[in-house]
Amino acid sequence: MSREIPKAIIRHIVGNLHVSTSDRAVIADLRGRFIDPEQWPKERRKAAYRYAIKVHADNRALYRSVMGGMI
């Protein structure tokens, strides 16, 4: 298995979550969908979770800018 995290899959999953979803719920959703702790080394899981939280934060920022009339 590749050491790279599947960024496109993570973006897709996180992109389908509501922006008010908590970071903890985002991680739980990833864990429940496709991240198997027995097959993913700890560092790879942590990298995937960090990336998911970043994508989610970017989505929140986009939402705030759209709803705030900044775009």
Protein backbone atom coordinates (compact mmCIF):
# COMPACT_ATOMS: atom_id res chain seq x y z
CA MET A 1 0.00 0.00 0.00
CA SER A 2 1.25 3.44 -0.89
CA ARG A 3 2.36 5.76 1.90
CA GLU A 4 0.52 8.66 0.26
CA ILE A 5 -2.85 9.65 1.61
CA PRO A 6 -5.77 9.56 -0.88
CA LYS A 7 -6.36 13.30 -1.03
CA ALA A 8 -9.08 13.19 -3.68
CA ILE A 9 -11.13 10.71 -1.65
CA ILE A 10 -10.68 12.74 1.52
CA ARG A 11 -11.70 15.95 -0.28
CA HIS A 12 -14.79 14.20 -1.63
CA ILE A 13 -15.85 12.81 1.76
CA VAL A 14 -15.19 16.04 3.64
CA GLY A 15 -16.80 18.11 0.88
CA ASN A 16 -20.05 16.25 1.43
CA LEU A 17 -20.15 17.09 5.13
CA HIS A 18 -21.94 20.16 6.45
CA VAL A 19 -19.62 23.02 7.39
CA SER A 20 -20.93 23.00 10.95
CA THR A 21 -19.74 19.41 11.45
CA SER A 22 -17.16 19.30 14.23
CA ASP A 23 -13.56 18.36 13.49
CA ARG A 24 -13.96 15.34 15.74
CA ALA A 25 -16.99 14.19 13.71
CA VAL A 26 -15.02 14.66 10.47
CA ILE A 27 -12.31 12.33 11.76
CA ALA A 28 -14.89 9.81 13.01
CA ASP A 29 -16.56 9.86 9.59
CA LEU A 30 -13.28 9.14 7.83
CA ARG A 31 -12.44 6.41 10.30
CA GLY A 32 -15.84 4.82 9.79
CA ARG A 33 -15.76 4.96 6.01
CA PHE A 34 -12.37 3.79 4.87
CA ILE A 35 -9.49 4.23 7.29
CA ASP A 36 -8.71 0.88 8.89
CA PRO A 37 -6.37 1.43 11.86
CA GLU A 38 -5.01 -2.09 11.46
CA GLN A 39 -3.87 -1.41 7.88
CA TRP A 40 -2.90 2.25 8.11
CA PRO A 41 0.26 3.10 10.09
CA LYS A 42 -0.26 5.72 12.80
CA GLU A 43 1.66 8.45 10.95
CA ARG A 44 -0.36 7.90 7.77
CA ARG A 45 -3.64 8.08 9.71
CA LYS A 46 -2.49 11.29 11.41
CA ALA A 47 -1.56 12.81 8.03
CA ALA A 48 -4.97 11.87 6.61
CA TYR A 49 -6.77 13.38 9.61
CA ARG A 50 -4.70 16.59 9.43
CA TYR A 51 -5.47 16.91 5.73
CA ALA A 52 -9.20 16.34 6.34
CA ILE A 53 -9.28 19.03 9.03
CA LYS A 54 -7.49 21.46 6.67
CA VAL A 55 -9.99 20.76 3.87
CA HIS A 56 -12.87 21.20 6.30
CA ALA A 57 -11.44 24.52 7.54
CA ASP A 58 -11.07 25.69 3.93
CA ASN A 59 -14.71 24.76 3.30
CA ARG A 60 -15.78 26.73 6.38
CA ALA A 61 -13.80 29.75 5.21
CA LEU A 62 -15.41 29.56 1.77
CA TYR A 63 -18.86 29.32 3.36
CA ARG A 64 -18.18 32.34 5.56
CA SER A 65 -16.94 34.40 2.62
CA VAL A 66 -19.92 33.49 0.45
CA MET A 67 -22.49 34.06 3.18
CA GLY A 68 -20.75 37.26 4.25
CA GLY A 69 -20.89 38.72 0.77
CA MET A 70 -17.13 38.74 0.25
CA ILE A 71 -17.28 37.00 -3.15
